[in-house]
């Protein structure tokens, strides 16, 4: 989760796509370069241990866009694939 947030913050499209599950990965990724991601608050996590194959993270990602502070609150699901965690999907909340 944190590596994906960092990738969005620095615009690392390759890492974002590489850390996305192939079943749900978009063919093309559009990243808004006008957004400045600056803080990630992980609110809860379930699963994701060395003994799990799935995990879920609820977080708020804070950003600036058009001179305003904003936040994205999301519950994301991850799946272990070939020994590494990949983003499966997410639901925006609030």
PDB file of N, CA and C in Angstrom:
ATOM      1  N   UNK A   1       0.831  -1.187   0.000  1.00  0.00           N
ATOM      2  CA  UNK A   1       0.000   0.000   0.000  1.00  0.00           C
ATOM      3  C   UNK A   1       0.873   1.247   0.000  1.00  0.00           C
ATOM      4  N   UNK A   2       1.832   1.296   0.896  1.00  0.00           N
ATOM      5  CA  UNK A   2       2.675   2.497   0.981  1.00  0.00           C
ATOM      6  C   UNK A   2       3.518   2.679  -0.280  1.00  0.00           C
ATOM      7  N   UNK A   3       3.970   1.577  -0.862  1.00  0.00           N
ATOM      8  CA  UNK A   3       4.783   1.722  -2.080  1.00  0.00           C
ATOM      9  C   UNK A   3       3.929   2.257  -3.231  1.00  0.00           C
ATOM     10  N   UNK A   4       2.669   1.860  -3.284  1.00  0.00           N
ATOM     11  CA  UNK A   4       1.786   2.378  -4.336  1.00  0.00           C
ATOM     12  C   UNK A   4       1.514   3.859  -4.114  1.00  0.00           C
ATOM     13  N   UNK A   5       1.283   4.264  -2.859  1.00  0.00           N
ATOM     14  CA  UNK A   5       1.076   5.682  -2.570  1.00  0.00           C
ATOM     15  C   UNK A   5       2.314   6.485  -2.984  1.00  0.00           C
ATOM     16  N   UNK A   6       3.491   5.985  -2.612  1.00  0.00           N
ATOM     17  CA  UNK A   6       4.738   6.672  -2.981  1.00  0.00           C
ATOM     18  C   UNK A   6       4.875   6.768  -4.497  1.00  0.00           C
ATOM     19  N   UNK A   7       4.493   5.711  -5.193  1.00  0.00           N
ATOM     20  CA  UNK A   7       4.571   5.722  -6.659  1.00  0.00           C
ATOM     21  C   UNK A   7       3.635   6.778  -7.243  1.00  0.00           C
ATOM     22  N   UNK A   8       2.433   6.917  -6.685  1.00  0.00           N
ATOM     23  CA  UNK A   8       1.536   7.973  -7.144  1.00  0.00           C
ATOM     24  C   UNK A   8       2.145   9.341  -6.838  1.00  0.00           C
ATOM     25  N   UNK A   9       2.756   9.479  -5.654  1.00  0.00           N
ATOM     26  CA  UNK A   9       3.316  10.764  -5.242  1.00  0.00           C
ATOM     27  C   UNK A   9       4.443  11.227  -6.157  1.00  0.00           C
ATOM     28  N   UNK A  10       5.244  10.283  -6.659  1.00  0.00           N
ATOM     29  CA  UNK A  10       6.368  10.680  -7.528  1.00  0.00           C
ATOM     30  C   UNK A  10       6.086  10.440  -9.011  1.00  0.00           C
ATOM     31  N   UNK A  11       4.897   9.917  -9.310  1.00  0.00           N
ATOM     32  CA  UNK A  11       4.512   9.706 -10.709  1.00  0.00           C
ATOM     33  C   UNK A  11       5.163   8.494 -11.355  1.00  0.00           C
ATOM     34  N   UNK A  12       5.463   7.472 -10.562  1.00  0.00           N
ATOM     35  CA  UNK A  12       6.097   6.251 -11.082  1.00  0.00           C
ATOM     36  C   UNK A  12       5.032   5.318 -11.654  1.00  0.00           C
ATOM     37  N   UNK A  13       4.620   5.580 -12.877  1.00  0.00           N
ATOM     38  CA  UNK A  13       3.556   4.809 -13.530  1.00  0.00           C
ATOM     39  C   UNK A  13       3.924   3.324 -13.663  1.00  0.00           C
ATOM     40  N   UNK A  14       5.197   3.038 -13.918  1.00  0.00           N
ATOM     41  CA  UNK A  14       5.624   1.641 -14.069  1.00  0.00           C
ATOM     42  C   UNK A  14       5.368   0.851 -12.792  1.00  0.00           C
ATOM     43  N   UNK A  15       5.704   1.426 -11.629  1.00  0.00           N
ATOM     44  CA  UNK A  15       5.477   0.707 -10.369  1.00  0.00           C
ATOM     45  C   UNK A  15       3.989   0.550 -10.089  1.00  0.00           C
ATOM     46  N   UNK A  16       3.234   1.585 -10.378  1.00  0.00           N
ATOM     47  CA  UNK A  16       1.782   1.496 -10.147  1.00  0.00           C
ATOM     48  C   UNK A  16       1.206   0.334 -10.949  1.00  0.00           C
ATOM     49  N   UNK A  17       1.529   0.257 -12.219  1.00  0.00           N
ATOM     50  CA  UNK A  17       1.001  -0.820 -13.062  1.00  0.00           C
ATOM     51  C   UNK A  17       1.572  -2.176 -12.662  1.00  0.00           C
ATOM     52  N   UNK A  18       2.850  -2.230 -12.332  1.00  0.00           N
ATOM     53  CA  UNK A  18       3.489  -3.488 -11.951  1.00  0.00           C
ATOM     54  C   UNK A  18       2.923  -4.056 -10.653  1.00  0.00           C
ATOM     55  N   UNK A  19       2.438  -3.180  -9.770  1.00  0.00           N
ATOM     56  CA  UNK A  19       1.889  -3.628  -8.491  1.00  0.00           C
ATOM     57  C   UNK A  19       0.378  -3.833  -8.542  1.00  0.00           C
ATOM     58  N   UNK A  20      -0.183  -3.863  -9.736  1.00  0.00           N
ATOM     59  CA  UNK A  20      -1.623  -4.030  -9.951  1.00  0.00           C
ATOM     60  C   UNK A  20      -1.874  -5.448 -10.443  1.00  0.00           C
ATOM     61  N   UNK A  21      -2.877  -6.096  -9.920  1.00  0.00           N
ATOM     62  CA  UNK A  21      -3.212  -7.459 -10.331  1.00  0.00           C
ATOM     63  C   UNK A  21      -3.529  -7.474 -11.832  1.00  0.00           C
ATOM     64  N   UNK A  22      -2.962  -8.428 -12.593  1.00  0.00           N
ATOM     65  CA  UNK A  22      -3.204  -8.467 -14.045  1.00  0.00           C
ATOM     66  C   UNK A  22      -4.678  -8.562 -14.425  1.00  0.00           C
ATOM     67  N   UNK A  23      -5.487  -9.170 -13.564  1.00  0.00           N
ATOM     68  CA  UNK A  23      -6.910  -9.336 -13.868  1.00  0.00           C
ATOM     69  C   UNK A  23      -7.665  -8.008 -13.844  1.00  0.00           C
ATOM     70  N   UNK A  24      -7.208  -7.046 -13.036  1.00  0.00           N
ATOM     71  CA  UNK A  24      -7.927  -5.781 -12.895  1.00  0.00           C
ATOM     72  C   UNK A  24      -7.109  -4.571 -13.371  1.00  0.00           C
ATOM     73  N   UNK A  25      -5.887  -4.812 -13.809  1.00  0.00           N
ATOM     74  CA  UNK A  25      -4.993  -3.722 -14.252  1.00  0.00           C
ATOM     75  C   UNK A  25      -5.538  -3.069 -15.523  1.00  0.00           C
ATOM     76  N   UNK A  26      -5.575  -1.736 -15.542  1.00  0.00           N
ATOM     77  CA  UNK A  26      -6.011  -1.067 -16.780  1.00  0.00           C
ATOM     78  C   UNK A  26      -4.954  -1.222 -17.869  1.00  0.00           C
ATOM     79  N   UNK A  27      -5.377  -1.166 -19.091  1.00  0.00           N
ATOM     80  CA  UNK A  27      -4.426  -1.254 -20.208  1.00  0.00           C
ATOM     81  C   UNK A  27      -3.559  -0.014 -20.280  1.00  0.00           C
ATOM     82  N   UNK A  28      -4.142   1.095 -19.893  1.00  0.00           N
ATOM     83  CA  UNK A  28      -3.428   2.359 -19.907  1.00  0.00           C
ATOM     84  C   UNK A  28      -3.730   3.101 -18.618  1.00  0.00           C
ATOM     85  N   UNK A  29      -2.737   3.731 -18.055  1.00  0.00           N
ATOM     86  CA  UNK A  29      -2.903   4.445 -16.797  1.00  0.00           C
ATOM     87  C   UNK A  29      -2.790   5.941 -17.041  1.00  0.00           C
ATOM     88  N   UNK A  30      -3.784   6.653 -16.596  1.00  0.00           N
ATOM     89  CA  UNK A  30      -3.756   8.105 -16.674  1.00  0.00           C
ATOM     90  C   UNK A  30      -3.520   8.631 -15.264  1.00  0.00           C
ATOM     91  N   UNK A  31      -2.410   9.332 -15.080  1.00  0.00           N
ATOM     92  CA  UNK A  31      -2.080   9.932 -13.786  1.00  0.00           C
ATOM     93  C   UNK A  31      -2.138  11.441 -13.956  1.00  0.00           C
ATOM     94  N   UNK A  32      -2.908  12.092 -13.120  1.00  0.00           N
ATOM     95  CA  UNK A  32      -3.054  13.545 -13.182  1.00  0.00           C
ATOM     96  C   UNK A  32      -1.831  14.197 -12.548  1.00  0.00           C
ATOM     97  N   UNK A  33      -0.969  14.772 -13.359  1.00  0.00           N
ATOM     98  CA  UNK A  33       0.247  15.398 -12.859  1.00  0.00           C
ATOM     99  C   UNK A  33      -0.034  16.674 -12.066  1.00  0.00           C
ATOM    100  N   UNK A  34      -1.273  17.148 -12.093  1.00  0.00           N
ATOM    101  CA  UNK A  34      -1.644  18.330 -11.324  1.00  0.00           C
ATOM    102  C   UNK A  34      -1.979  18.024  -9.872  1.00  0.00           C
ATOM    103  N   UNK A  35      -2.001  16.753  -9.534  1.00  0.00           N
ATOM    104  CA  UNK A  35      -2.299  16.348  -8.160  1.00  0.00           C
ATOM    105  C   UNK A  35      -0.992  16.111  -7.420  1.00  0.00           C
ATOM    106  N   UNK A  36      -0.897  16.663  -6.211  1.00  0.00           N
ATOM    107  CA  UNK A  36       0.277  16.457  -5.366  1.00  0.00           C
ATOM    108  C   UNK A  36      -0.154  15.639  -4.143  1.00  0.00           C
ATOM    109  N   UNK A  37       0.232  14.367  -4.141  1.00  0.00           N
ATOM    110  CA  UNK A  37      -0.069  13.473  -3.009  1.00  0.00           C
ATOM    111  C   UNK A  37       0.953  13.751  -1.914  1.00  0.00           C
ATOM    112  N   UNK A  38       0.491  13.992  -0.673  1.00  0.00           N
ATOM    113  CA  UNK A  38       1.456  14.362   0.359  1.00  0.00           C
ATOM    114  C   UNK A  38       1.331  13.604   1.681  1.00  0.00           C
ATOM    115  N   UNK A  39       0.270  12.853   1.914  1.00  0.00           N
ATOM    116  CA  UNK A  39       0.186  12.112   3.175  1.00  0.00           C
ATOM    117  C   UNK A  39      -0.744  10.917   3.027  1.00  0.00           C
ATOM    118  N   UNK A  40      -0.348   9.810   3.650  1.00  0.00           N
ATOM    119  CA  UNK A  40      -1.157   8.597   3.657  1.00  0.00           C
ATOM    120  C   UNK A  40      -1.429   8.208   5.098  1.00  0.00           C
ATOM    121  N   UNK A  41      -2.700   8.054   5.447  1.00  0.00           N
ATOM    122  CA  UNK A  41      -3.104   7.574   6.767  1.00  0.00           C
ATOM    123  C   UNK A  41      -3.753   6.212   6.592  1.00  0.00           C
ATOM    124  N   UNK A  42      -3.088   5.160   7.072  1.00  0.00           N
ATOM    125  CA  UNK A  42      -3.663   3.824   7.036  1.00  0.00           C
ATOM    126  C   UNK A  42      -4.520   3.685   8.290  1.00  0.00           C
ATOM    127  N   UNK A  43      -5.814   3.459   8.103  1.00  0.00           N
ATOM    128  CA  UNK A  43      -6.743   3.413   9.220  1.00  0.00           C
ATOM    129  C   UNK A  43      -6.998   2.010   9.738  1.00  0.00           C
ATOM    130  N   UNK A  44      -6.966   1.045   8.848  1.00  0.00           N
ATOM    131  CA  UNK A  44      -7.137  -0.340   9.286  1.00  0.00           C
ATOM    132  C   UNK A  44      -6.587  -1.277   8.222  1.00  0.00           C
ATOM    133  N   UNK A  45      -6.243  -2.455   8.673  1.00  0.00           N
ATOM    134  CA  UNK A  45      -5.758  -3.495   7.765  1.00  0.00           C
ATOM    135  C   UNK A  45      -6.208  -4.838   8.306  1.00  0.00           C
ATOM    136  N   UNK A  46      -6.570  -5.724   7.398  1.00  0.00           N
ATOM    137  CA  UNK A  46      -6.917  -7.086   7.804  1.00  0.00           C
ATOM    138  C   UNK A  46      -6.272  -8.039   6.808  1.00  0.00           C
ATOM    139  N   UNK A  47      -5.932  -9.211   7.286  1.00  0.00           N
ATOM    140  CA  UNK A  47      -5.220 -10.160   6.442  1.00  0.00           C
ATOM    141  C   UNK A  47      -3.835  -9.609   6.140  1.00  0.00           C
ATOM    142  N   UNK A  48      -3.244 -10.115   5.091  1.00  0.00           N
ATOM    143  CA  UNK A  48      -1.958  -9.599   4.675  1.00  0.00           C
ATOM    144  C   UNK A  48      -0.763 -10.132   5.448  1.00  0.00           C
ATOM    145  N   UNK A  49      -0.985 -11.140   6.287  1.00  0.00           N
ATOM    146  CA  UNK A  49       0.124 -11.719   7.032  1.00  0.00           C
ATOM    147  C   UNK A  49       0.859 -12.723   6.138  1.00  0.00           C
ATOM    148  N   UNK A  50       2.004 -13.216   6.586  1.00  0.00           N
ATOM    149  CA  UNK A  50       2.697 -14.231   5.790  1.00  0.00           C
ATOM    150  C   UNK A  50       1.870 -15.494   5.542  1.00  0.00           C
ATOM    151  N   UNK A  51       0.808 -15.689   6.320  1.00  0.00           N
ATOM    152  CA  UNK A  51      -0.027 -16.880   6.183  1.00  0.00           C
ATOM    153  C   UNK A  51      -1.280 -16.633   5.347  1.00  0.00           C
ATOM    154  N   UNK A  52      -1.487 -15.389   4.910  1.00  0.00           N
ATOM    155  CA  UNK A  52      -2.678 -15.023   4.138  1.00  0.00           C
ATOM    156  C   UNK A  52      -2.353 -14.901   2.660  1.00  0.00           C
ATOM    157  N   UNK A  53      -3.393 -15.043   1.853  1.00  0.00           N
ATOM    158  CA  UNK A  53      -3.269 -14.802   0.414  1.00  0.00           C
ATOM    159  C   UNK A  53      -4.033 -13.557  -0.013  1.00  0.00           C
ATOM    160  N   UNK A  54      -4.799 -12.987   0.922  1.00  0.00           N
ATOM    161  CA  UNK A  54      -5.539 -11.766   0.642  1.00  0.00           C
ATOM    162  C   UNK A  54      -5.383 -10.805   1.812  1.00  0.00           C
ATOM    163  N   UNK A  55      -5.615  -9.548   1.538  1.00  0.00           N
ATOM    164  CA  UNK A  55      -5.567  -8.531   2.574  1.00  0.00           C
ATOM    165  C   UNK A  55      -6.411  -7.346   2.161  1.00  0.00           C
ATOM    166  N   UNK A  56      -6.742  -6.536   3.133  1.00  0.00           N
ATOM    167  CA  UNK A  56      -7.561  -5.365   2.876  1.00  0.00           C
ATOM    168  C   UNK A  56      -7.017  -4.200   3.697  1.00  0.00           C
ATOM    169  N   UNK A  57      -6.968  -3.036   3.100  1.00  0.00           N
ATOM    170  CA  UNK A  57      -6.462  -1.839   3.768  1.00  0.00           C
ATOM    171  C   UNK A  57      -7.460  -0.709   3.567  1.00  0.00           C
ATOM    172  N   UNK A  58      -7.809  -0.042   4.652  1.00  0.00           N
ATOM    173  CA  UNK A  58      -8.633   1.162   4.568  1.00  0.00           C
ATOM    174  C   UNK A  58      -7.723   2.336   4.877  1.00  0.00           C
ATOM    175  N   UNK A  59      -7.770   3.340   4.019  1.00  0.00           N
ATOM    176  CA  UNK A  59      -6.838   4.453   4.166  1.00  0.00           C
ATOM    177  C   UNK A  59      -7.469   5.760   3.703  1.00  0.00           C
ATOM    178  N   UNK A  60      -6.809   6.850   4.087  1.00  0.00           N
ATOM    179  CA  UNK A  60      -7.108   8.153   3.535  1.00  0.00           C
ATOM    180  C   UNK A  60      -5.816   8.701   2.952  1.00  0.00           C
ATOM    181  N   UNK A  61      -5.854   9.058   1.681  1.00  0.00           N
ATOM    182  CA  UNK A  61      -4.708   9.659   1.000  1.00  0.00           C
ATOM    183  C   UNK A  61      -5.022  11.139   0.807  1.00  0.00           C
ATOM    184  N   UNK A  62      -4.131  11.987   1.305  1.00  0.00           N
ATOM    185  CA  UNK A  62      -4.328  13.429   1.238  1.00  0.00           C
ATOM    186  C   UNK A  62      -3.549  13.995   0.059  1.00  0.00           C
ATOM    187  N   UNK A  63      -4.165  14.960  -0.612  1.00  0.00           N
ATOM    188  CA  UNK A  63      -3.525  15.541  -1.790  1.00  0.00           C
ATOM    189  C   UNK A  63      -3.961  16.984  -1.984  1.00  0.00           C
ATOM    190  N   UNK A  64      -3.218  17.670  -2.830  1.00  0.00           N
ATOM    191  CA  UNK A  64      -3.575  19.025  -3.237  1.00  0.00           C
ATOM    192  C   UNK A  64      -3.878  19.005  -4.730  1.00  0.00           C
ATOM    193  N   UNK A  65      -4.944  19.701  -5.097  1.00  0.00           N
ATOM    194  CA  UNK A  65      -5.324  19.835  -6.503  1.00  0.00           C
ATOM    195  C   UNK A  65      -5.961  21.202  -6.678  1.00  0.00           C
ATOM    196  N   UNK A  66      -5.532  21.903  -7.683  1.00  0.00           N
ATOM    197  CA  UNK A  66      -6.075  23.242  -7.967  1.00  0.00           C
ATOM    198  C   UNK A  66      -5.991  24.153  -6.740  1.00  0.00           C
ATOM    199  N   UNK A  67      -4.908  24.012  -5.982  1.00  0.00           N
ATOM    200  CA  UNK A  67      -4.692  24.866  -4.819  1.00  0.00           C
ATOM    201  C   UNK A  67      -5.516  24.506  -3.602  1.00  0.00           C
ATOM    202  N   UNK A  68      -6.263  23.420  -3.662  1.00  0.00           N
ATOM    203  CA  UNK A  68      -7.104  23.007  -2.529  1.00  0.00           C
ATOM    204  C   UNK A  68      -6.615  21.697  -1.949  1.00  0.00           C
ATOM    205  N   UNK A  69      -6.738  21.566  -0.625  1.00  0.00           N
ATOM    206  CA  UNK A  69      -6.441  20.289   0.031  1.00  0.00           C
ATOM    207  C   UNK A  69      -7.664  19.398  -0.065  1.00  0.00           C
ATOM    208  N   UNK A  70      -7.416  18.140  -0.433  1.00  0.00           N
ATOM    209  CA  UNK A  70      -8.500  17.178  -0.594  1.00  0.00           C
ATOM    210  C   UNK A  70      -8.051  15.842  -0.029  1.00  0.00           C
ATOM    211  N   UNK A  71      -8.972  14.889   0.021  1.00  0.00           N
ATOM    212  CA  UNK A  71      -8.636  13.564   0.539  1.00  0.00           C
ATOM    213  C   UNK A  71      -9.437  12.493  -0.190  1.00  0.00           C
ATOM    214  N   UNK A  72      -8.805  11.356  -0.351  1.00  0.00           N
ATOM    215  CA  UNK A  72      -9.441  10.185  -0.936  1.00  0.00           C
ATOM    216  C   UNK A  72      -9.499   9.118   0.145  1.00  0.00           C
ATOM    217  N   UNK A  73     -10.698   8.681   0.488  1.00  0.00           N
ATOM    218  CA  UNK A  73     -10.873   7.625   1.499  1.00  0.00           C
ATOM    219  C   UNK A  73     -11.279   6.355   0.753  1.00  0.00           C
ATOM    220  N   UNK A  74     -10.508   5.292   0.929  1.00  0.00           N
ATOM    221  CA  UNK A  74     -10.738   4.088   0.131  1.00  0.00           C
ATOM    222  C   UNK A  74     -10.461   2.825   0.939  1.00  0.00           C
ATOM    223  N   UNK A  75     -11.188   1.782   0.595  1.00  0.00           N
ATOM    224  CA  UNK A  75     -10.905   0.427   1.093  1.00  0.00           C
ATOM    225  C   UNK A  75     -10.372  -0.357  -0.099  1.00  0.00           C
ATOM    226  N   UNK A  76      -9.126  -0.842   0.010  1.00  0.00           N
ATOM    227  CA  UNK A  76      -8.471  -1.545  -1.086  1.00  0.00           C
ATOM    228  C   UNK A  76      -8.247  -3.000  -0.739  1.00  0.00           C
ATOM    229  N   UNK A  77      -8.392  -3.840  -1.754  1.00  0.00           N
ATOM    230  CA  UNK A  77      -8.123  -5.263  -1.575  1.00  0.00           C
ATOM    231  C   UNK A  77      -6.836  -5.619  -2.308  1.00  0.00           C
ATOM    232  N   UNK A  78      -6.048  -6.472  -1.658  1.00  0.00           N
ATOM    233  CA  UNK A  78      -4.786  -6.936  -2.222  1.00  0.00           C
ATOM    234  C   UNK A  78      -4.775  -8.455  -2.245  1.00  0.00           C
ATOM    235  N   UNK A  79      -3.989  -9.013  -3.143  1.00  0.00           N
ATOM    236  CA  UNK A  79      -3.864 -10.463  -3.257  1.00  0.00           C
ATOM    237  C   UNK A  79      -2.397 -10.818  -3.463  1.00  0.00           C
ATOM    238  N   UNK A  80      -1.996 -11.897  -2.828  1.00  0.00           N
ATOM    239  CA  UNK A  80      -0.630 -12.359  -3.031  1.00  0.00           C
ATOM    240  C   UNK A  80      -0.580 -13.121  -4.358  1.00  0.00           C
ATOM    241  N   UNK A  81       0.350 -12.744  -5.196  1.00  0.00           N
ATOM    242  CA  UNK A  81       0.487 -13.370  -6.516  1.00  0.00           C
ATOM    243  C   UNK A  81       1.969 -13.594  -6.767  1.00  0.00           C
ATOM    244  N   UNK A  82       2.339 -14.840  -6.979  1.00  0.00           N
ATOM    245  CA  UNK A  82       3.747 -15.194  -7.203  1.00  0.00           C
ATOM    246  C   UNK A  82       4.640 -14.650  -6.091  1.00  0.00           C
ATOM    247  N   UNK A  83       4.144 -14.725  -4.854  1.00  0.00           N
ATOM    248  CA  UNK A  83       4.946 -14.345  -3.696  1.00  0.00           C
ATOM    249  C   UNK A  83       4.955 -12.869  -3.356  1.00  0.00           C
ATOM    250  N   UNK A  84       4.252 -12.034  -4.121  1.00  0.00           N
ATOM    251  CA  UNK A  84       4.238 -10.606  -3.797  1.00  0.00           C
ATOM    252  C   UNK A  84       2.812 -10.079  -3.786  1.00  0.00           C
ATOM    253  N   UNK A  85       2.615  -9.019  -3.027  1.00  0.00           N
ATOM    254  CA  UNK A  85       1.291  -8.427  -2.895  1.00  0.00           C
ATOM    255  C   UNK A  85       1.007  -7.491  -4.061  1.00  0.00           C
ATOM    256  N   UNK A  86      -0.185  -7.633  -4.637  1.00  0.00           N
ATOM    257  CA  UNK A  86      -0.614  -6.763  -5.727  1.00  0.00           C
ATOM    258  C   UNK A  86      -2.009  -6.221  -5.416  1.00  0.00           C
ATOM    259  N   UNK A  87      -2.254  -5.022  -5.898  1.00  0.00           N
ATOM    260  CA  UNK A  87      -3.535  -4.349  -5.718  1.00  0.00           C
ATOM    261  C   UNK A  87      -4.577  -5.024  -6.606  1.00  0.00           C
ATOM    262  N   UNK A  88      -5.706  -5.412  -6.006  1.00  0.00           N
ATOM    263  CA  UNK A  88      -6.775  -6.058  -6.759  1.00  0.00           C
ATOM    264  C   UNK A  88      -7.832  -5.033  -7.167  1.00  0.00           C
ATOM    265  N   UNK A  89      -8.403  -4.351  -6.180  1.00  0.00           N
ATOM    266  CA  UNK A  89      -9.414  -3.332  -6.457  1.00  0.00           C
ATOM    267  C   UNK A  89      -9.671  -2.514  -5.210  1.00  0.00           C
ATOM    268  N   UNK A  90     -10.473  -1.488  -5.375  1.00  0.00           N
ATOM    269  CA  UNK A  90     -10.778  -0.625  -4.228  1.00  0.00           C
ATOM    270  C   UNK A  90     -12.139   0.001  -4.356  1.00  0.00           C
ATOM    271  N   UNK A  91     -12.663   0.404  -3.217  1.00  0.00           N
ATOM    272  CA  UNK A  91     -13.956   1.066  -3.154  1.00  0.00           C
ATOM    273  C   UNK A  91     -13.771   2.410  -2.455  1.00  0.00           C
ATOM    274  N   UNK A  92     -14.130   3.461  -3.141  1.00  0.00           N
ATOM    275  CA  UNK A  92     -14.050   4.802  -2.540  1.00  0.00           C
ATOM    276  C   UNK A  92     -15.186   4.923  -1.544  1.00  0.00           C
ATOM    277  N   UNK A  93     -14.853   5.426  -0.359  1.00  0.00           N
ATOM    278  CA  UNK A  93     -15.855   5.565   0.696  1.00  0.00           C
ATOM    279  C   UNK A  93     -16.048   7.033   1.024  1.00  0.00           C
ATOM    280  N   UNK A  94     -17.250   7.317   1.517  1.00  0.00           N
ATOM    281  CA  UNK A  94     -17.530   8.679   1.973  1.00  0.00           C
ATOM    282  C   UNK A  94     -17.788   9.559   0.892  1.00  0.00           C
TER     283      UNK A  94
END
